[in-house]
Amino acid sequence: MKHLFATLFMCAVSLSASIVPGWANCVSLVGRPEWPTIARALSSAKICEQLPAGPNHTQSFHVQSAELCRSADRNASLRATAFVTCESPPDALFNTPPMQAEIAVAVSIDERACRITDAQIQIGGELGSFLSNAVDANELVRQWKQSDLSQLCRQMQRVNTPN
């Protein structure tokens, strides 16, 4: 499982690097003063709720790592890894056991306009096989609340990357 996730994450990293070439200024967001707000904004994405039935309620979403990279024109790439646990909602007719997955996300952001220009999501494990046809990364981003995106942009703008 760990090797599968590592492979998926490296694919996502390679993909995000190929989306906008020239990423040179990168910084880890974990442990920075802005980290709690950024982690909350990222965890507000409703991954489990994309399933039509079964474990379609998010029990937990833990962002493990995140890296912000900027190009010379202040476009940004945010790459993150997270763990999600999906469970059946309390009012479900049939309860299914919770499902866990490791997720790799790569998002390209125009920081000036606070607009996501591209998004890629890789979901591993059994949940990934269920969600592979159900989750459209760009649709998920469109459903994400603008307030969360605005908050993410404000926090990202506070992060200085090396020149």
C-alpha atoms as a PDB file:
ATOM      1  CA  MET A   1       0.000   0.000   0.000  1.00  0.00           C
ATOM      2  CA  LYS A   2       2.809   2.412   0.906  1.00  0.00           C
ATOM      3  CA  HIS A   3       4.556   1.742  -2.396  1.00  0.00           C
ATOM      4  CA  LEU A   4       1.345   2.303  -4.320  1.00  0.00           C
ATOM      5  CA  PHE A   5       0.797   5.620  -2.572  1.00  0.00           C
ATOM      6  CA  ALA A   6       4.411   6.662  -3.123  1.00  0.00           C
ATOM      7  CA  THR A   7       4.032   5.883  -6.822  1.00  0.00           C
ATOM      8  CA  LEU A   8       0.752   7.819  -7.020  1.00  0.00           C
ATOM      9  CA  PHE A   9       2.230  10.766  -5.157  1.00  0.00           C
ATOM     10  CA  MET A  10       5.281  10.891  -7.417  1.00  0.00           C
ATOM     11  CA  CYS A  11       2.975  10.801 -10.443  1.00  0.00           C
ATOM     12  CA  ALA A  12       1.013  13.726  -8.996  1.00  0.00           C
ATOM     13  CA  VAL A  13       4.207  15.649  -8.257  1.00  0.00           C
ATOM     14  CA  SER A  14       5.515  15.006 -11.778  1.00  0.00           C
ATOM     15  CA  LEU A  15       2.166  16.008 -13.233  1.00  0.00           C
ATOM     16  CA  SER A  16       1.981  19.218 -11.233  1.00  0.00           C
ATOM     17  CA  ALA A  17       5.539  20.097 -12.211  1.00  0.00           C
ATOM     18  CA  SER A  18       4.643  19.593 -15.864  1.00  0.00           C
ATOM     19  CA  ILE A  19       1.476  21.716 -15.597  1.00  0.00           C
ATOM     20  CA  VAL A  20       3.459  24.931 -15.222  1.00  0.00           C
ATOM     21  CA  PRO A  21       7.194  24.597 -15.877  1.00  0.00           C
ATOM     22  CA  GLY A  22       9.845  26.465 -13.959  1.00  0.00           C
ATOM     23  CA  TRP A  23       8.907  25.798 -10.320  1.00  0.00           C
ATOM     24  CA  ALA A  24      12.026  26.713  -8.449  1.00  0.00           C
ATOM     25  CA  ASN A  25      10.908  28.434  -5.273  1.00  0.00           C
ATOM     26  CA  CYS A  26       9.298  25.857  -2.987  1.00  0.00           C
ATOM     27  CA  VAL A  27       8.655  25.771   0.735  1.00  0.00           C
ATOM     28  CA  SER A  28       7.009  23.282   3.069  1.00  0.00           C
ATOM     29  CA  LEU A  29       3.907  24.732   4.704  1.00  0.00           C
ATOM     30  CA  VAL A  30       3.863  22.321   7.652  1.00  0.00           C
ATOM     31  CA  GLY A  31       4.809  23.981  10.919  1.00  0.00           C
ATOM     32  CA  ARG A  32       4.519  27.515   9.559  1.00  0.00           C
ATOM     33  CA  PRO A  33       2.204  29.993  11.344  1.00  0.00           C
ATOM     34  CA  GLU A  34      -0.160  29.817   8.346  1.00  0.00           C
ATOM     35  CA  TRP A  35      -0.321  25.986   8.446  1.00  0.00           C
ATOM     36  CA  PRO A  36      -3.440  25.475  10.637  1.00  0.00           C
ATOM     37  CA  THR A  37      -5.525  27.763   8.420  1.00  0.00           C
ATOM     38  CA  ILE A  38      -4.205  26.194   5.208  1.00  0.00           C
ATOM     39  CA  ALA A  39      -4.827  22.659   6.555  1.00  0.00           C
ATOM     40  CA  ARG A  40      -8.420  23.616   7.518  1.00  0.00           C
ATOM     41  CA  ALA A  41      -9.070  25.081   4.074  1.00  0.00           C
ATOM     42  CA  LEU A  42      -7.692  21.974   2.340  1.00  0.00           C
ATOM     43  CA  SER A  43      -9.630  19.606   4.591  1.00  0.00           C
ATOM     44  CA  SER A  44     -12.939  21.282   3.756  1.00  0.00           C
ATOM     45  CA  ALA A  45     -12.987  19.460   0.400  1.00  0.00           C
ATOM     46  CA  LYS A  46     -15.763  16.864   0.428  1.00  0.00           C
ATOM     47  CA  ILE A  47     -14.096  13.779  -1.064  1.00  0.00           C
ATOM     48  CA  CYS A  48     -16.327  11.065   0.468  1.00  0.00           C
ATOM     49  CA  GLU A  49     -19.499  12.925  -0.413  1.00  0.00           C
ATOM     50  CA  GLN A  50     -18.751  12.252  -4.085  1.00  0.00           C
ATOM     51  CA  LEU A  51     -19.812   8.615  -3.620  1.00  0.00           C
ATOM     52  CA  PRO A  52     -23.485   8.078  -4.511  1.00  0.00           C
ATOM     53  CA  ALA A  53     -23.989   5.577  -1.654  1.00  0.00           C
ATOM     54  CA  GLY A  54     -22.131   3.553   0.958  1.00  0.00           C
ATOM     55  CA  PRO A  55     -19.435   5.280   2.998  1.00  0.00           C
ATOM     56  CA  ASN A  56     -20.235   8.722   1.569  1.00  0.00           C
ATOM     57  CA  HIS A  57     -19.703  10.823   4.688  1.00  0.00           C
ATOM     58  CA  THR A  58     -16.293  12.230   5.667  1.00  0.00           C
ATOM     59  CA  GLN A  59     -15.370  10.964   9.120  1.00  0.00           C
ATOM     60  CA  SER A  60     -11.887  12.499   9.098  1.00  0.00           C
ATOM     61  CA  PHE A  61      -9.564  14.316   6.726  1.00  0.00           C
ATOM     62  CA  HIS A  62      -5.998  14.855   7.917  1.00  0.00           C
ATOM     63  CA  VAL A  63      -3.550  16.847   5.803  1.00  0.00           C
ATOM     64  CA  GLN A  64      -0.125  15.323   6.400  1.00  0.00           C
ATOM     65  CA  SER A  65       2.064  17.514   4.204  1.00  0.00           C
ATOM     66  CA  ALA A  66       1.851  20.460   1.876  1.00  0.00           C
ATOM     67  CA  GLU A  67       4.377  22.266  -0.277  1.00  0.00           C
ATOM     68  CA  LEU A  68       3.946  25.622  -1.962  1.00  0.00           C
ATOM     69  CA  CYS A  69       5.957  26.373  -5.096  1.00  0.00           C
ATOM     70  CA  ARG A  70       5.946  29.642  -6.992  1.00  0.00           C
ATOM     71  CA  SER A  71       7.031  30.543 -10.480  1.00  0.00           C
ATOM     72  CA  ALA A  72       8.497  33.912 -11.432  1.00  0.00           C
ATOM     73  CA  ASP A  73       5.059  35.231 -12.472  1.00  0.00           C
ATOM     74  CA  ARG A  74       3.589  34.465  -8.994  1.00  0.00           C
ATOM     75  CA  ASN A  75       1.520  31.549 -10.165  1.00  0.00           C
ATOM     76  CA  ALA A  76       1.612  28.883  -7.494  1.00  0.00           C
ATOM     77  CA  SER A  77       1.459  25.147  -7.196  1.00  0.00           C
ATOM     78  CA  LEU A  78       0.217  23.581  -4.000  1.00  0.00           C
ATOM     79  CA  ARG A  79       1.006  19.890  -3.543  1.00  0.00           C
ATOM     80  CA  ALA A  80      -0.382  18.049  -0.543  1.00  0.00           C
ATOM     81  CA  THR A  81      -0.845  14.591   0.877  1.00  0.00           C
ATOM     82  CA  ALA A  82      -3.734  13.677   3.131  1.00  0.00           C
ATOM     83  CA  PHE A  83      -5.504  10.744   4.730  1.00  0.00           C
ATOM     84  CA  VAL A  84      -9.281  10.509   4.532  1.00  0.00           C
ATOM     85  CA  THR A  85     -11.702   8.159   6.282  1.00  0.00           C
ATOM     86  CA  CYS A  86     -15.151   7.763   4.785  1.00  0.00           C
ATOM     87  CA  GLU A  87     -18.053   6.264   6.714  1.00  0.00           C
ATOM     88  CA  SER A  88     -21.740   5.611   6.225  1.00  0.00           C
ATOM     89  CA  PRO A  89     -23.899   8.561   7.258  1.00  0.00           C
ATOM     90  CA  PRO A  90     -25.824   8.181  10.536  1.00  0.00           C
ATOM     91  CA  ASP A  91     -29.164   7.864   8.698  1.00  0.00           C
ATOM     92  CA  ALA A  92     -27.950   5.199   6.219  1.00  0.00           C
ATOM     93  CA  LEU A  93     -30.253   2.237   5.645  1.00  0.00           C
ATOM     94  CA  PHE A  94     -27.196  -0.073   5.520  1.00  0.00           C
ATOM     95  CA  ASN A  95     -23.994   0.676   7.381  1.00  0.00           C
ATOM     96  CA  THR A  96     -20.790  -0.221   5.608  1.00  0.00           C
ATOM     97  CA  PRO A  97     -17.413  -0.334   7.336  1.00  0.00           C
ATOM     98  CA  PRO A  98     -15.340   2.864   7.166  1.00  0.00           C
ATOM     99  CA  MET A  99     -12.838   3.123   4.309  1.00  0.00           C
ATOM    100  CA  GLN A 100      -9.504   4.913   4.471  1.00  0.00           C
ATOM    101  CA  ALA A 101      -7.381   6.279   1.674  1.00  0.00           C
ATOM    102  CA  GLU A 102      -4.228   8.246   1.075  1.00  0.00           C
ATOM    103  CA  ILE A 103      -4.693  11.205  -1.244  1.00  0.00           C
ATOM    104  CA  ALA A 104      -2.205  13.214  -3.304  1.00  0.00           C
ATOM    105  CA  VAL A 105      -3.401  16.598  -4.547  1.00  0.00           C
ATOM    106  CA  ALA A 106      -1.711  18.996  -6.957  1.00  0.00           C
ATOM    107  CA  VAL A 107      -3.391  22.356  -7.514  1.00  0.00           C
ATOM    108  CA  SER A 108      -2.216  25.223  -9.719  1.00  0.00           C
ATOM    109  CA  ILE A 109      -3.361  28.637  -8.523  1.00  0.00           C
ATOM    110  CA  ASP A 110      -3.262  32.089 -10.055  1.00  0.00           C
ATOM    111  CA  GLU A 111      -2.590  33.933  -6.788  1.00  0.00           C
ATOM    112  CA  ARG A 112      -3.371  37.378  -8.183  1.00  0.00           C
ATOM    113  CA  ALA A 113      -6.883  36.359  -9.234  1.00  0.00           C
ATOM    114  CA  CYS A 114      -7.216  33.754  -6.455  1.00  0.00           C
ATOM    115  CA  ARG A 115      -8.347  31.263  -9.067  1.00  0.00           C
ATOM    116  CA  ILE A 116      -7.518  27.590  -9.403  1.00  0.00           C
ATOM    117  CA  THR A 117      -6.296  26.944 -12.926  1.00  0.00           C
ATOM    118  CA  ASP A 118      -5.803  23.181 -12.677  1.00  0.00           C
ATOM    119  CA  ALA A 119      -6.287  20.398 -10.144  1.00  0.00           C
ATOM    120  CA  GLN A 120      -5.244  16.769 -10.012  1.00  0.00           C
ATOM    121  CA  ILE A 121      -6.293  14.276  -7.333  1.00  0.00           C
ATOM    122  CA  GLN A 122      -4.913  10.769  -6.884  1.00  0.00           C
ATOM    123  CA  ILE A 123      -6.795   8.580  -4.385  1.00  0.00           C
ATOM    124  CA  GLY A 124      -5.244   5.311  -3.301  1.00  0.00           C
ATOM    125  CA  GLY A 125      -6.544   2.116  -1.769  1.00  0.00           C
ATOM    126  CA  GLU A 126      -9.988   0.574  -1.979  1.00  0.00           C
ATOM    127  CA  LEU A 127     -11.609   3.981  -1.716  1.00  0.00           C
ATOM    128  CA  GLY A 128      -9.615   5.104  -4.736  1.00  0.00           C
ATOM    129  CA  SER A 129     -11.095   2.330  -6.835  1.00  0.00           C
ATOM    130  CA  PHE A 130     -14.608   3.423  -5.832  1.00  0.00           C
ATOM    131  CA  LEU A 131     -13.914   7.110  -6.368  1.00  0.00           C
ATOM    132  CA  SER A 132     -11.812   6.864  -9.538  1.00  0.00           C
ATOM    133  CA  ASN A 133     -14.887   7.240 -11.734  1.00  0.00           C
ATOM    134  CA  ALA A 134     -16.879   9.370  -9.301  1.00  0.00           C
ATOM    135  CA  VAL A 135     -14.465  12.224  -8.540  1.00  0.00           C
ATOM    136  CA  ASP A 136     -13.670  14.851 -11.138  1.00  0.00           C
ATOM    137  CA  ALA A 137     -10.957  17.036  -9.600  1.00  0.00           C
ATOM    138  CA  ASN A 138     -11.999  20.154 -11.494  1.00  0.00           C
ATOM    139  CA  GLU A 139     -15.664  19.637 -10.527  1.00  0.00           C
ATOM    140  CA  LEU A 140     -14.686  19.119  -6.900  1.00  0.00           C
ATOM    141  CA  VAL A 141     -12.732  22.378  -7.020  1.00  0.00           C
ATOM    142  CA  ARG A 142     -15.736  24.196  -8.524  1.00  0.00           C
ATOM    143  CA  GLN A 143     -17.880  22.930  -5.640  1.00  0.00           C
ATOM    144  CA  TRP A 144     -15.351  24.031  -3.069  1.00  0.00           C
ATOM    145  CA  LYS A 145     -16.579  27.107  -1.235  1.00  0.00           C
ATOM    146  CA  GLN A 146     -15.145  30.381  -2.502  1.00  0.00           C
ATOM    147  CA  SER A 147     -14.606  31.439   1.115  1.00  0.00           C
ATOM    148  CA  ASP A 148     -12.242  28.482   1.646  1.00  0.00           C
ATOM    149  CA  LEU A 149     -10.378  29.289  -1.555  1.00  0.00           C
ATOM    150  CA  SER A 150     -10.110  32.971  -0.603  1.00  0.00           C
ATOM    151  CA  GLN A 151      -8.811  32.023   2.830  1.00  0.00           C
ATOM    152  CA  LEU A 152      -6.270  29.675   1.254  1.00  0.00           C
ATOM    153  CA  CYS A 153      -5.077  32.425  -1.124  1.00  0.00           C
ATOM    154  CA  ARG A 154      -4.693  34.943   1.716  1.00  0.00           C
ATOM    155  CA  GLN A 155      -2.613  32.486   3.739  1.00  0.00           C
ATOM    156  CA  MET A 156      -0.496  31.490   0.735  1.00  0.00           C
ATOM    157  CA  GLN A 157       0.278  35.135   0.003  1.00  0.00           C
ATOM    158  CA  ARG A 158       1.760  35.438   3.498  1.00  0.00           C
ATOM    159  CA  VAL A 159       4.234  32.644   2.787  1.00  0.00           C
ATOM    160  CA  ASN A 160       7.564  33.829   1.453  1.00  0.00           C
ATOM    161  CA  THR A 161       9.371  31.447  -0.849  1.00  0.00           C
ATOM    162  CA  PRO A 162      13.129  31.586  -1.479  1.00  0.00           C
ATOM    163  CA  ASN A 163      14.242  33.737  -4.383  1.00  0.00           C
END
